[in-house]
Protein backbone atom coordinates (compact mmCIF):
# COMPACT_ATOMS: atom_id res chain seq x y z
CA UNK A 1 -94.93 7.17 0.26
CA UNK A 2 -95.85 6.10 -3.26
CA UNK A 3 -93.29 6.76 -5.97
CA UNK A 4 -93.58 6.73 -9.72
CA UNK A 5 -90.64 6.38 -12.10
CA UNK A 6 -92.35 8.68 -14.59
CA UNK A 7 -93.00 11.30 -11.91
CA UNK A 8 -89.40 11.16 -10.71
CA UNK A 9 -88.09 11.63 -14.24
CA UNK A 10 -90.56 14.45 -14.92
CA UNK A 11 -89.52 16.35 -11.79
CA UNK A 12 -85.83 15.91 -12.56
CA UNK A 13 -86.39 17.00 -16.17
CA UNK A 14 -88.29 20.11 -15.09
CA UNK A 15 -85.53 20.98 -12.63
CA UNK A 16 -82.85 20.72 -15.29
CA UNK A 17 -84.90 22.68 -17.83
CA UNK A 18 -85.65 25.45 -15.33
CA UNK A 19 -81.99 25.81 -14.38
CA UNK A 20 -80.85 25.58 -18.00
CA UNK A 21 -83.17 28.48 -18.87
CA UNK A 22 -81.80 30.46 -15.94
CA UNK A 23 -78.24 29.91 -17.16
CA UNK A 24 -79.09 30.86 -20.74
CA UNK A 25 -80.55 34.14 -19.49
CA UNK A 26 -77.21 35.12 -17.94
CA UNK A 27 -75.89 36.05 -21.38
CA UNK A 28 -78.14 39.10 -21.24
CA UNK A 29 -76.32 40.29 -18.11
CA UNK A 30 -72.85 40.48 -19.66
CA UNK A 31 -73.13 44.25 -19.77
CA UNK A 32 -70.69 47.13 -19.29
CA UNK A 33 -70.65 46.65 -15.52
CA UNK A 34 -69.61 43.03 -15.95
CA UNK A 35 -66.73 44.19 -18.16
CA UNK A 36 -65.80 46.92 -15.67
CA UNK A 37 -65.81 44.33 -12.89
CA UNK A 38 -63.35 42.17 -14.83
CA UNK A 39 -61.11 45.16 -15.53
CA UNK A 40 -61.21 46.30 -11.89
CA UNK A 41 -60.21 42.88 -10.58
CA UNK A 42 -57.58 42.49 -13.29
CA UNK A 43 -55.87 45.79 -12.52
CA UNK A 44 -56.22 45.63 -8.75
CA UNK A 45 -53.00 45.53 -6.74
CA UNK A 46 -54.77 43.53 -4.06
CA UNK A 47 -56.83 40.37 -3.89
CA UNK A 48 -60.45 39.58 -4.59
CA UNK A 49 -62.34 39.06 -1.33
CA UNK A 50 -65.50 37.04 -1.92
CA UNK A 51 -68.23 37.09 0.70
CA UNK A 52 -71.78 35.83 1.16
CA UNK A 53 -74.17 34.09 3.51
CA UNK A 54 -76.06 30.79 3.37
CA UNK A 55 -76.07 28.96 0.02
CA UNK A 56 -74.38 31.97 -1.60
CA UNK A 57 -71.46 31.45 0.78
CA UNK A 58 -71.06 27.89 -0.48
CA UNK A 59 -71.02 29.15 -4.07
CA UNK A 60 -68.57 31.87 -3.06
CA UNK A 61 -66.15 29.29 -1.69
CA UNK A 62 -66.22 27.42 -4.98
CA UNK A 63 -65.67 30.62 -6.97
CA UNK A 64 -62.64 31.43 -4.79
CA UNK A 65 -61.19 27.97 -5.46
CA UNK A 66 -61.62 28.45 -9.20
CA UNK A 67 -60.09 31.91 -9.14
CA UNK A 68 -57.04 30.82 -7.15
CA UNK A 69 -56.41 27.90 -9.48
CA UNK A 70 -56.53 30.15 -12.54
CA UNK A 71 -54.24 32.97 -11.47
CA UNK A 72 -56.52 35.42 -9.62
CA UNK A 73 -55.62 35.65 -5.90
CA UNK A 74 -58.86 35.34 -3.94
CA UNK A 75 -59.97 34.80 -0.34
CA UNK A 76 -63.37 33.76 0.96
CA UNK A 77 -64.77 35.73 3.91
CA UNK A 78 -68.05 34.50 5.37
CA UNK A 79 -70.39 37.43 5.88
CA UNK A 80 -71.39 36.29 9.38
CA UNK A 81 -67.77 35.87 10.45
CA UNK A 82 -66.85 39.21 8.89
CA UNK A 83 -69.04 41.16 11.29
CA UNK A 84 -67.55 39.25 14.20
CA UNK A 85 -63.89 39.98 13.57
CA UNK A 86 -62.92 38.75 10.10
CA UNK A 87 -63.12 42.20 8.51
CA UNK A 88 -59.39 42.39 9.25
CA UNK A 89 -58.89 40.15 6.22
CA UNK A 90 -59.61 43.10 3.94
CA UNK A 91 -56.60 45.17 2.86
CA UNK A 92 -56.72 48.61 1.26
CA UNK A 93 -56.17 47.46 -2.34
CA UNK A 94 -58.56 44.50 -2.23
CA UNK A 95 -61.72 44.31 -4.33
CA UNK A 96 -64.83 42.91 -2.63
CA UNK A 97 -67.30 40.61 -4.39
CA UNK A 98 -70.47 40.16 -2.36
CA UNK A 99 -72.81 37.38 -3.50
CA UNK A 100 -76.49 37.40 -2.57
CA UNK A 101 -79.67 36.53 -4.43
CA UNK A 102 -82.00 38.79 -2.45
CA UNK A 103 -79.40 41.40 -1.55
CA UNK A 104 -81.36 42.15 1.61
CA UNK A 105 -80.24 39.57 4.20
CA UNK A 106 -79.54 41.01 7.68
CA UNK A 107 -75.86 40.02 7.70
CA UNK A 108 -75.31 41.73 4.34
CA UNK A 109 -77.01 44.90 5.58
CA UNK A 110 -74.69 44.98 8.60
CA UNK A 111 -71.55 44.17 6.60
CA UNK A 112 -71.88 46.55 3.66
CA UNK A 113 -71.53 49.87 5.58
CA UNK A 114 -68.21 48.71 7.04
CA UNK A 115 -66.93 47.77 3.58
CA UNK A 116 -68.00 51.16 2.27
CA UNK A 117 -66.15 52.87 5.14
CA UNK A 118 -62.95 51.09 4.15
CA UNK A 119 -63.15 52.55 0.64
CA UNK A 120 -62.71 49.23 -1.15
CA UNK A 121 -64.41 48.70 -4.50
CA UNK A 122 -67.59 46.71 -3.95
CA UNK A 123 -68.97 44.44 -6.67
CA UNK A 124 -72.38 42.89 -6.06
CA UNK A 125 -73.31 39.58 -7.68
CA UNK A 126 -77.00 39.87 -6.99
CA UNK A 127 -80.37 38.62 -8.18
CA UNK A 128 -82.42 41.60 -6.98
CA UNK A 129 -81.14 44.75 -8.68
CA UNK A 130 -83.37 46.90 -6.47
CA UNK A 131 -81.96 45.48 -3.24
CA UNK A 132 -79.92 47.17 -0.54
CA UNK A 133 -76.75 45.45 -1.74
CA UNK A 134 -77.30 46.47 -5.35
CA UNK A 135 -77.87 50.11 -4.44
CA UNK A 136 -74.74 50.25 -2.28
CA UNK A 137 -72.44 48.49 -4.74
CA UNK A 138 -70.03 50.25 -7.07
CA UNK A 139 -70.65 47.67 -9.78
CA UNK A 140 -73.39 45.07 -10.27
CA UNK A 141 -73.19 41.63 -11.87
CA UNK A 142 -76.77 40.47 -12.27
CA UNK A 143 -77.79 36.86 -11.68
CA UNK A 144 -81.55 37.33 -11.74
CA UNK A 145 -83.66 34.21 -12.34
CA UNK A 146 -87.35 33.89 -13.19
CA UNK A 147 -87.97 31.20 -10.59
CA UNK A 148 -86.31 28.58 -8.48
CA UNK A 149 -86.46 24.97 -9.65
CA UNK A 150 -88.15 24.10 -6.37
CA UNK A 151 -91.92 23.61 -6.92
CA UNK A 152 -92.63 26.09 -4.13
CA UNK A 153 -90.16 28.61 -5.57
CA UNK A 154 -88.38 28.71 -2.22
CA UNK A 155 -85.27 26.51 -2.13
CA UNK A 156 -82.21 28.20 -3.70
CA UNK A 157 -81.65 26.15 -6.84
CA UNK A 158 -81.79 28.16 -10.06
CA UNK A 159 -80.41 31.20 -8.25
CA UNK A 160 -77.35 29.39 -6.87
CA UNK A 161 -76.74 27.69 -10.21
CA UNK A 162 -76.79 31.12 -11.86
CA UNK A 163 -74.28 32.40 -9.30
CA UNK A 164 -72.04 29.40 -9.89
CA UNK A 165 -72.06 29.81 -13.66
CA UNK A 166 -71.56 33.57 -13.49
CA UNK A 167 -68.63 32.92 -11.14
CA UNK A 168 -67.13 30.62 -13.77
CA UNK A 169 -67.70 33.30 -16.41
CA UNK A 170 -65.87 35.76 -14.16
CA UNK A 171 -62.94 33.41 -13.54
CA UNK A 172 -62.55 32.31 -17.16
CA UNK A 173 -62.78 35.90 -18.40
CA UNK A 174 -59.97 36.85 -16.02
CA UNK A 175 -58.03 33.78 -17.11
CA UNK A 176 -58.33 34.85 -20.73
CA UNK A 177 -57.25 38.41 -20.02
CA UNK A 178 -54.21 37.20 -18.10
CA UNK A 179 -53.14 34.93 -20.96
CA UNK A 180 -53.23 32.00 -18.54
CA UNK A 181 -51.84 28.85 -20.20
CA UNK A 182 -51.79 25.13 -19.46
CA UNK A 183 -48.24 25.60 -18.13
CA UNK A 184 -49.54 28.20 -15.67
CA UNK A 185 -52.36 25.87 -14.67
CA UNK A 186 -49.85 23.11 -13.97
CA UNK A 187 -47.89 25.40 -11.62
CA UNK A 188 -50.98 25.72 -9.46
CA UNK A 189 -51.78 21.98 -9.71
CA UNK A 190 -48.43 20.20 -9.29
CA UNK A 191 -50.12 17.16 -7.77
CA UNK A 192 -52.71 16.84 -10.51
CA UNK A 193 -52.48 14.84 -13.70
CA UNK A 194 -51.86 17.93 -15.84
CA UNK A 195 -49.13 19.15 -13.51
CA UNK A 196 -47.39 15.81 -13.68
CA UNK A 197 -47.66 15.74 -17.47
CA UNK A 198 -45.86 19.07 -17.67
CA UNK A 199 -43.29 18.58 -14.91
CA UNK A 200 -42.64 14.88 -14.28
CA UNK A 201 -39.58 13.57 -16.11
CA UNK A 202 -38.45 10.06 -17.00
CA UNK A 203 -35.62 10.43 -14.50
CA UNK A 204 -38.18 10.85 -11.74
CA UNK A 205 -39.51 7.34 -12.36
CA UNK A 206 -36.94 4.98 -13.85
CA UNK A 207 -34.54 5.32 -10.90
CA UNK A 208 -37.11 3.58 -8.70
CA UNK A 209 -36.77 0.43 -10.82
CA UNK A 210 -34.23 -2.34 -11.07
CA UNK A 211 -31.81 -2.30 -14.01
CA UNK A 212 -32.20 -5.65 -15.81
CA UNK A 213 -29.16 -6.43 -17.95
CA UNK A 214 -27.78 -9.41 -19.88
CA UNK A 215 -24.89 -9.81 -22.27
CA UNK A 216 -25.25 -11.07 -25.83
CA UNK A 217 -23.94 -14.52 -24.90
CA UNK A 218 -26.11 -14.90 -21.77
CA UNK A 219 -28.00 -18.19 -21.85
CA UNK A 220 -31.74 -18.13 -22.35
CA UNK A 221 -32.21 -19.70 -18.91
CA UNK A 222 -30.29 -16.89 -17.21
CA UNK A 223 -32.09 -14.33 -19.37
CA UNK A 224 -35.45 -15.62 -18.14
CA UNK A 225 -34.25 -15.40 -14.54
CA UNK A 226 -33.05 -11.81 -15.07
CA UNK A 227 -36.35 -10.69 -16.56
CA UNK A 228 -38.38 -12.49 -13.90
CA UNK A 229 -36.34 -11.28 -10.93
CA UNK A 230 -36.32 -7.61 -11.96
CA UNK A 231 -40.12 -7.62 -12.53
CA UNK A 232 -40.17 -5.20 -15.47
CA UNK A 233 -41.04 -7.67 -18.20
CA UNK A 234 -37.90 -6.92 -20.17
CA UNK A 235 -34.13 -6.65 -20.11
CA UNK A 236 -31.51 -4.74 -22.03
CA UNK A 237 -28.93 -6.70 -24.01
CA UNK A 238 -25.38 -5.35 -23.93
CA UNK A 239 -22.20 -6.09 -25.82
CA UNK A 240 -19.77 -5.11 -23.11
CA UNK A 241 -21.06 -1.63 -22.23
CA UNK A 242 -22.76 -1.01 -25.57
CA UNK A 243 -26.54 -1.35 -25.83
CA UNK A 244 -27.37 -3.67 -28.72
CA UNK A 245 -30.89 -4.91 -28.07
CA UNK A 246 -33.80 -5.68 -25.81
CA UNK A 247 -35.70 -8.82 -24.85
CA UNK A 248 -39.25 -8.69 -23.52
CA UNK A 249 -41.40 -11.38 -21.95
CA UNK A 250 -43.29 -11.35 -25.25
CA UNK A 251 -40.10 -12.36 -27.06
CA UNK A 252 -39.71 -15.22 -24.59
CA UNK A 253 -43.26 -16.45 -25.14
CA UNK A 254 -42.85 -16.43 -28.91
CA UNK A 255 -39.60 -18.35 -28.59
CA UNK A 256 -41.24 -20.98 -26.36
CA UNK A 257 -44.14 -21.34 -28.79
CA UNK A 258 -41.77 -21.94 -31.70
CA UNK A 259 -40.94 -25.38 -30.30
CA UNK A 260 -37.21 -24.99 -30.93
CA UNK A 261 -34.64 -26.47 -28.56
CA UNK A 262 -33.48 -24.00 -25.91
CA UNK A 263 -30.22 -25.73 -25.13
CA UNK A 264 -27.91 -23.40 -27.05
CA UNK A 265 -30.07 -20.28 -27.36
CA UNK A 266 -28.33 -17.07 -26.33
CA UNK A 267 -29.76 -13.62 -25.64
CA UNK A 268 -28.47 -12.39 -28.99
CA UNK A 269 -30.58 -15.00 -30.77
CA UNK A 270 -33.93 -13.63 -29.69
CA UNK A 271 -33.28 -9.96 -28.88
CA UNK A 272 -34.86 -7.12 -30.81
CA UNK A 273 -32.13 -4.91 -32.23
CA UNK A 274 -32.53 -1.12 -32.23
CA UNK A 275 -35.00 -1.02 -29.32
CA UNK A 276 -37.08 2.07 -28.54
CA UNK A 277 -35.28 4.34 -26.10
CA UNK A 278 -35.95 7.56 -24.24
CA UNK A 279 -33.64 10.08 -22.57
CA UNK A 280 -33.96 10.64 -18.80
CA UNK A 281 -34.60 14.35 -19.29
CA UNK A 282 -37.70 13.80 -21.42
CA UNK A 283 -41.14 14.34 -19.94
CA UNK A 284 -43.01 11.25 -18.80
CA UNK A 285 -45.85 12.36 -21.08
CA UNK A 286 -43.44 12.04 -24.03
CA UNK A 287 -42.51 8.50 -22.94
CA UNK A 288 -46.19 7.61 -22.69
CA UNK A 289 -46.81 8.90 -26.22
CA UNK A 290 -43.95 6.74 -27.49
CA UNK A 291 -45.40 3.67 -25.79
CA UNK A 292 -48.82 4.31 -27.26
CA UNK A 293 -47.53 4.91 -30.79
CA UNK A 294 -45.41 1.77 -30.74
CA UNK A 295 -47.86 -0.39 -28.75
CA UNK A 296 -45.23 -1.24 -26.14
CA UNK A 297 -45.12 -1.13 -22.34
CA UNK A 298 -41.42 -0.48 -21.66
CA UNK A 299 -38.76 1.91 -22.86
CA UNK A 300 -35.03 1.65 -22.29
CA UNK A 301 -33.65 4.83 -20.71
CA UNK A 302 -30.48 5.87 -22.52
CA UNK A 303 -28.25 8.94 -22.31
CA UNK A 304 -25.30 9.54 -24.64
CA UNK A 305 -25.55 5.92 -25.74
CA UNK A 306 -25.31 4.59 -22.18
CA UNK A 307 -28.05 2.29 -20.87
CA UNK A 308 -29.42 3.59 -17.55
CA UNK A 309 -32.56 1.56 -16.84
CA UNK A 310 -36.18 0.95 -17.83
CA UNK A 311 -39.36 2.97 -17.50
CA UNK A 312 -42.53 0.89 -17.53
CA UNK A 313 -46.10 1.82 -18.43
CA UNK A 314 -47.16 0.81 -14.91
CA UNK A 315 -44.84 3.48 -13.45
CA UNK A 316 -46.67 6.12 -15.46
CA UNK A 317 -50.16 4.83 -14.68
CA UNK A 318 -49.38 4.85 -10.96
CA UNK A 319 -48.78 8.61 -11.25
CA UNK A 320 -52.27 9.06 -12.68
CA UNK A 321 -51.04 10.09 -16.12
CA UNK A 322 -53.22 8.65 -18.86
């Protein structure tokens, strides 16, 4: 098979342009029935059951994932499985969203009468507004496209992209109506970076670390050993129990480069007074902001004037918070 770079780029460009035009056309379908669909889902006491067959089923699964992560309870029910026992998923207060480009597939034609018998509200996301599905639905969300991106106008491409984007429009519209915030999003994504930014506290991380400590009169040799052994690149300097300073490995390097004799150097001679500190109850995101603003990689954790430990930039990065 002969290939041409120009031909490859041309085909890819035409595909993107065709699908982009299909998406732009969706704006024309944001009619009263789209609004009524949003309102019906919003005020339903049940869940949104999304169903479809083939490529539309794949898109339906993604729409369900987006809905669940943005505050709209949703379940995916494959149309083929539905007519072989999964209809029991549907409860009396649920709203049904059936996705199909043609609206005339055999599985859809078998499924729809049973949904109608149950009395549930049926919303059709459909490309063919004259189809069986469209005529049986209570509300229609149109996703009609001029043509598929496939040169033979056969492979579902533009049509499934239109379904995907309209599904996002549905989910984000519901999100907006619910007043869904970043805090709400974090509740549904506790393992994600945003969830950690909103819920992970300094106390969740610093306790995993050693607690490097020296006194003001600790020799420089012992100070180096303390910093090296605790592997945090820094140590707190105390006067008894009182925090008075901090020494980092950067302070040690600068001292070594000065060429001065180390024989009588004490921790108090090279420490930085008034070090940056953070309380254990603060969010890790707050600690990260402090590190960025001050161009540092460690913060001393202090509560009511008492030194508790160190939180390091590496601790935060390991949690995926950037």
